[in-house]
Protein backbone atom coordinates (compact mmCIF):
# COMPACT_ATOMS: atom_id res chain seq x y z
CA MET A 1 0.08 0.04 0.08
CA THR A 2 1.19 3.91 -0.70
CA GLN A 3 2.77 5.05 2.08
CA THR A 4 0.45 8.46 2.22
CA LEU A 5 1.88 11.34 3.29
CA THR A 6 1.79 14.79 4.15
CA ILE A 7 1.54 18.48 2.41
CA HIS A 8 1.42 21.23 5.23
CA VAL A 9 0.09 24.30 3.73
CA LEU A 10 1.29 27.66 5.66
CA SER A 11 -0.58 30.77 5.55
CA ASP A 12 -0.59 34.14 7.13
CA SER A 13 -4.35 34.09 6.70
CA LEU A 14 -6.34 30.84 6.89
CA GLY A 15 -4.56 28.59 3.75
CA GLU A 16 -7.47 28.24 1.34
CA THR A 17 -5.65 29.21 -1.92
CA GLY A 18 -2.33 27.11 -0.87
CA GLU A 19 -4.94 24.31 -0.29
CA THR A 20 -6.92 24.56 -3.33
CA VAL A 21 -3.15 24.14 -5.24
CA ALA A 22 -1.90 21.45 -3.17
CA ARG A 23 -5.08 19.24 -3.98
CA ALA A 24 -4.69 20.33 -7.38
CA ALA A 25 -1.17 18.83 -7.29
CA ALA A 26 -2.25 16.15 -5.42
CA ALA A 27 -4.91 14.97 -7.61
CA GLN A 28 -1.76 13.98 -10.44
CA PHE A 29 -0.73 10.89 -7.94
CA ASP A 30 -2.52 7.87 -6.67
CA SER A 31 -5.81 8.89 -4.37
CA GLU A 32 -4.44 7.70 -1.10
CA ALA A 33 -0.29 9.32 -2.05
CA PHE A 34 -1.54 12.51 -0.12
CA ARG A 35 -3.61 14.40 2.39
CA ILE A 36 -3.58 17.83 3.30
CA GLU A 37 -3.07 19.82 6.26
CA ARG A 38 -3.69 23.85 7.02
CA LEU A 39 -1.25 25.30 9.30
CA PRO A 40 -3.37 29.00 8.80
CA LYS A 41 -2.54 32.34 10.93
CA VAL A 42 1.24 32.26 11.02
CA SER A 43 1.79 36.12 11.53
CA THR A 44 5.92 35.53 13.23
CA ALA A 45 8.93 33.60 11.54
CA GLU A 46 9.39 32.71 14.97
CA GLU A 47 5.49 31.05 14.51
CA LEU A 48 6.90 30.15 11.55
CA ARG A 49 9.78 28.01 12.68
CA ALA A 50 7.86 26.27 15.54
CA GLU A 51 5.32 25.07 12.77
CA VAL A 52 8.07 24.17 10.76
CA ARG A 53 10.34 22.47 14.02
CA ALA A 54 6.60 20.20 14.62
CA HIS A 55 5.48 19.17 11.37
CA CYS A 56 8.33 18.19 9.49
CA GLY A 57 9.34 14.62 9.40
CA THR A 58 10.82 12.33 7.01
CA HIS A 59 9.26 14.06 3.94
CA CYS A 60 8.67 17.64 4.94
CA ILE A 61 6.57 19.10 2.63
CA PHE A 62 5.22 22.67 2.78
CA PHE A 63 3.16 24.54 0.30
CA TYR A 64 3.03 28.39 1.44
CA THR A 65 1.02 31.39 0.85
CA PHE A 66 2.70 34.25 2.57
CA VAL A 67 2.19 38.16 1.73
CA ASN A 68 4.24 39.05 4.46
CA GLU A 69 7.88 38.96 2.91
CA GLU A 70 9.73 38.71 6.27
CA LEU A 71 7.85 35.68 6.40
CA ARG A 72 8.63 34.54 2.65
CA VAL A 73 12.22 35.36 3.74
CA GLU A 74 12.19 33.17 6.27
CA MET A 75 11.07 30.27 4.69
CA GLY A 76 12.64 30.46 2.38
CA LYS A 77 15.93 29.96 4.58
CA LEU A 78 14.58 26.74 6.12
CA ALA A 79 13.68 25.65 2.44
CA LEU A 80 18.26 25.74 2.24
CA GLY A 81 17.77 23.71 5.40
CA GLY A 82 16.28 20.64 3.45
CA VAL A 83 12.55 21.45 3.96
CA HIS A 84 10.84 20.77 0.73
CA ALA A 85 8.72 23.76 0.25
CA VAL A 86 7.10 25.20 -2.57
CA ASP A 87 6.08 29.16 -2.52
CA LEU A 88 2.55 29.49 -4.22
CA LEU A 89 1.83 33.31 -3.96
CA GLY A 90 5.42 35.03 -4.05
CA PRO A 91 5.73 34.18 -6.87
CA ALA A 92 2.84 35.33 -8.92
CA VAL A 93 3.08 38.60 -7.36
CA ASP A 94 6.37 39.42 -7.96
CA VAL A 95 5.80 38.86 -11.87
CA LEU A 96 2.88 41.17 -11.07
CA MET A 97 4.94 44.15 -9.99
CA ARG A 98 7.68 43.75 -12.29
CA ALA A 99 4.68 44.20 -15.19
CA SER A 100 2.48 46.63 -13.51
CA GLY A 101 5.64 48.61 -11.31
CA TYR A 102 2.84 48.74 -8.73
CA SER A 103 3.38 47.88 -5.31
CA PRO A 104 1.85 44.83 -3.70
CA THR A 105 -0.60 45.85 -0.34
CA GLY A 106 0.40 42.75 2.15
CA GLU A 107 -2.23 42.00 2.42
CA ALA A 108 -3.26 38.49 4.26
CA GLY A 109 -6.37 37.35 2.80
CA ALA A 110 -7.55 40.29 0.62
CA ILE A 111 -8.60 37.16 -1.99
CA ARG A 112 -11.72 36.88 0.52
CA ARG A 113 -12.77 40.54 0.55
CA THR A 114 -13.34 39.81 -3.14
CA ASP A 115 -15.64 37.20 -2.39
CA GLN A 116 -17.24 39.76 0.58
CA ASP A 117 -18.07 41.88 -2.64
CA TYR A 118 -20.14 38.58 -4.85
CA PHE A 119 -21.93 37.81 -1.90
CA ASP A 120 -22.58 41.68 -1.65
CA ARG A 121 -24.02 41.54 -5.09
CA ILE A 122 -26.03 38.76 -4.49
CA GLU A 123 -27.87 40.09 -1.36
CA ALA A 124 -28.30 43.23 -3.28
CA MET A 125 -29.80 41.24 -6.58
CA GLU A 126 -32.48 39.28 -3.94
CA PHE A 127 -33.29 42.75 -2.73
CA ALA A 128 -34.33 44.34 -5.83
CA VAL A 129 -35.77 40.71 -6.97
CA ARG A 130 -38.04 41.30 -3.00
CA HIS A 131 -38.76 45.42 -3.71
CA ASP A 132 -39.47 45.06 -7.67
CA ASP A 133 -42.49 46.85 -8.97
CA GLY A 134 -43.89 48.28 -5.32
CA ARG A 135 -43.20 45.32 -2.91
CA ASN A 136 -42.67 45.54 0.29
CA THR A 137 -42.67 49.55 0.76
CA GLU A 138 -41.97 49.16 4.41
CA GLY A 139 -38.80 48.52 3.58
CA LEU A 140 -37.61 51.36 1.30
CA GLN A 141 -35.49 53.05 4.25
CA GLU A 142 -33.29 49.87 3.88
CA ALA A 143 -32.83 50.89 -0.41
CA ASP A 144 -29.16 52.93 -1.41
CA ILE A 145 -31.68 53.47 -4.47
CA VAL A 146 -35.42 54.01 -4.93
CA LEU A 147 -36.51 54.54 -8.71
CA VAL A 148 -39.93 55.04 -9.59
CA GLY A 149 -41.50 55.99 -12.71
CA VAL A 150 -45.02 55.12 -14.70
CA SER A 151 -44.78 51.75 -15.82
CA ARG A 152 -42.33 50.99 -18.59
CA THR A 153 -39.60 53.30 -17.79
CA SER A 154 -37.26 50.65 -17.33
CA LYS A 155 -37.55 50.51 -13.75
CA THR A 156 -36.79 46.88 -12.79
CA PRO A 157 -34.08 46.44 -15.63
CA LEU A 158 -32.11 49.36 -14.60
CA SER A 159 -33.23 48.23 -10.91
CA MET A 160 -31.09 44.63 -11.40
CA TYR A 161 -28.41 46.38 -13.21
CA LEU A 162 -27.36 48.59 -10.68
CA ALA A 163 -27.96 45.58 -8.34
CA PHE A 164 -25.35 43.59 -9.57
CA LYS A 165 -23.36 46.80 -8.99
CA GLY A 166 -23.99 46.24 -5.41
CA PHE A 167 -26.78 48.81 -4.82
CA ARG A 168 -29.73 47.70 -2.91
CA VAL A 169 -32.45 48.94 -5.24
CA ALA A 170 -36.22 49.17 -4.66
CA ASN A 171 -38.53 50.16 -7.75
CA VAL A 172 -41.86 52.15 -7.08
CA PRO A 173 -44.36 52.67 -10.19
CA LEU A 174 -46.69 55.56 -10.42
CA ALA A 175 -49.96 54.40 -11.51
CA PRO A 176 -52.37 56.90 -12.45
CA GLY A 177 -55.49 57.64 -10.18
CA VAL A 178 -53.40 55.65 -7.18
CA SER A 179 -51.78 56.61 -4.33
CA PRO A 180 -48.20 56.44 -4.13
CA PRO A 181 -47.28 54.47 -0.81
CA HIS A 182 -46.54 57.12 2.50
CA GLU A 183 -42.91 56.28 2.86
CA LEU A 184 -41.44 57.23 -0.44
CA PHE A 185 -42.18 60.83 1.39
CA GLU A 186 -40.29 60.08 4.27
CA LEU A 187 -36.83 59.49 2.46
CA ASP A 188 -34.16 61.19 2.35
CA PRO A 189 -34.81 62.70 -1.49
CA ARG A 190 -31.19 62.02 -2.69
CA ARG A 191 -31.61 58.54 -2.73
CA VAL A 192 -34.66 59.30 -4.98
CA PHE A 193 -34.49 58.95 -9.19
CA GLY A 194 -37.47 59.31 -10.92
CA LEU A 195 -38.02 58.12 -14.39
CA ILE A 196 -39.18 59.83 -17.33
CA THR A 197 -38.76 59.27 -21.13
CA SER A 198 -40.97 60.95 -23.69
CA VAL A 199 -45.00 59.99 -24.71
CA ASP A 200 -43.99 58.99 -27.98
CA ILE A 201 -41.61 56.24 -26.89
CA LEU A 202 -44.11 55.49 -23.96
CA MET A 203 -46.99 54.85 -26.58
CA GLU A 204 -44.36 52.49 -28.75
CA ILE A 205 -43.01 50.52 -26.14
CA ARG A 206 -46.57 50.27 -24.46
CA THR A 207 -48.43 49.59 -27.55
CA ALA A 208 -45.94 46.62 -28.63
CA ARG A 209 -46.12 44.82 -25.21
CA MET A 210 -49.70 44.87 -25.55
CA SER A 211 -49.73 43.09 -29.28
CA GLU A 212 -47.20 40.79 -26.85
CA LEU A 213 -49.96 39.81 -24.66
CA GLY A 214 -53.07 39.89 -26.95
CA GLY A 215 -54.62 42.12 -25.52
CA TRP A 216 -55.60 45.63 -24.86
CA VAL A 217 -56.04 48.01 -22.04
CA PRO A 218 -58.00 51.82 -22.50
CA GLY A 219 -56.02 54.34 -21.81
CA TYR A 220 -52.72 52.53 -21.07
CA ALA A 221 -51.17 53.45 -24.88
CA GLU A 222 -52.77 56.15 -26.03
CA ARG A 223 -51.33 60.07 -25.98
CA GLU A 224 -53.48 61.69 -24.19
CA ALA A 225 -54.09 59.01 -21.15
CA ILE A 226 -49.64 58.46 -21.22
CA GLU A 227 -49.40 62.90 -21.11
CA HIS A 228 -52.04 63.00 -17.94
CA GLU A 229 -50.35 60.31 -16.61
CA LEU A 230 -46.44 61.59 -16.49
CA GLU A 231 -48.01 65.05 -15.32
CA GLU A 232 -49.37 63.16 -12.21
CA ALA A 233 -45.39 61.32 -11.66
CA ARG A 234 -43.74 64.74 -12.28
CA ALA A 235 -45.85 66.12 -9.36
CA VAL A 236 -45.41 63.37 -7.16
CA MET A 237 -41.63 63.80 -7.88
CA ARG A 238 -41.81 67.46 -7.14
CA ARG A 239 -43.24 66.63 -3.69
CA ILE A 240 -40.96 64.12 -3.33
CA GLY A 241 -37.94 66.41 -4.05
CA CYS A 242 -36.08 63.48 -6.15
CA ILE A 243 -34.07 63.79 -9.34
CA VAL A 244 -35.59 63.39 -12.36
CA VAL A 245 -33.70 61.30 -14.73
CA HIS A 246 -34.45 61.38 -18.85
CA THR A 247 -34.45 57.39 -20.13
CA ASP A 248 -35.08 58.02 -23.51
CA ASP A 249 -32.99 56.38 -25.65
CA ARG A 250 -30.90 55.80 -23.37
CA ALA A 251 -28.85 52.64 -22.72
CA ILE A 252 -29.62 50.96 -19.52
CA GLU A 253 -26.10 51.39 -18.64
CA GLU A 254 -26.12 55.16 -19.28
CA THR A 255 -28.77 55.96 -16.74
CA ALA A 256 -27.07 54.22 -14.11
CA ARG A 257 -24.18 56.15 -14.61
CA GLU A 258 -25.88 59.16 -14.20
CA ILE A 259 -27.40 57.86 -10.67
CA THR A 260 -24.34 56.60 -9.02
CA ALA A 261 -22.85 60.33 -10.58
CA HIS A 262 -25.39 61.84 -8.19
CA LEU A 263 -25.03 59.26 -5.22
CA GLU A 264 -21.12 60.01 -5.18
CA GLY A 265 -21.76 63.35 -5.49
CA TYR A 266 -23.65 62.94 -2.11
CA GLU A 267 -21.24 61.36 -0.30
CA THR A 268 -18.13 63.93 -1.12
CA GLN A 269 -20.55 66.34 0.15
CA ASP A 270 -21.44 64.60 3.61
């Protein structure tokens, strides 16, 4: 039977990256040839030497992912003494530094910050779904951005795009003859954006929509009704005191940039 050897993964963070690479390398051999053991959170050269002494058996195999330069240097010295050691992160960081001229931050566990950004985006998208089309208005205070507008002014597509960028977005339709939820008027107006488009564009979009659905809603795509609907919507937007954003013939990305630029401006002022 093949003797099982241990690959020790040393890290000044959690060692997740090192373990992944170690498993990929070990997979090239018999399934019982190697086992992986993480030795995380090594913070000083003294701790490093102690870990190596404690785990260095006959074969002394260490994979390490130190971002701390002192630990990398110390491990290099230990490798000269007969330790089988592989620096998984250092050479890659050095190549990027030489190629770009940038200096690495030396921040242990930085990859988990990227992972957190991913999970924040997922949470933002779930928020946008829960607060789409006027649902759960009691949660509007939790939103980073609230979009209001009449039907077919791109509220939902824009909400999802901004959510993918990490913003918690809610959108509330402004329907003719229907009072807007009172929560809208309790928000910081700088976080509320009114979406407006032209009568002609709304007529075209709504006519096409009704054709797709195979029905007809009186007034929904008629010029006079749309003009009145937009007047009512503008009146609500004035009451809120929000920024009005025109979506006429604009890509979602352009509208989103305008909205986020306003937000960044407010944050700078604050």
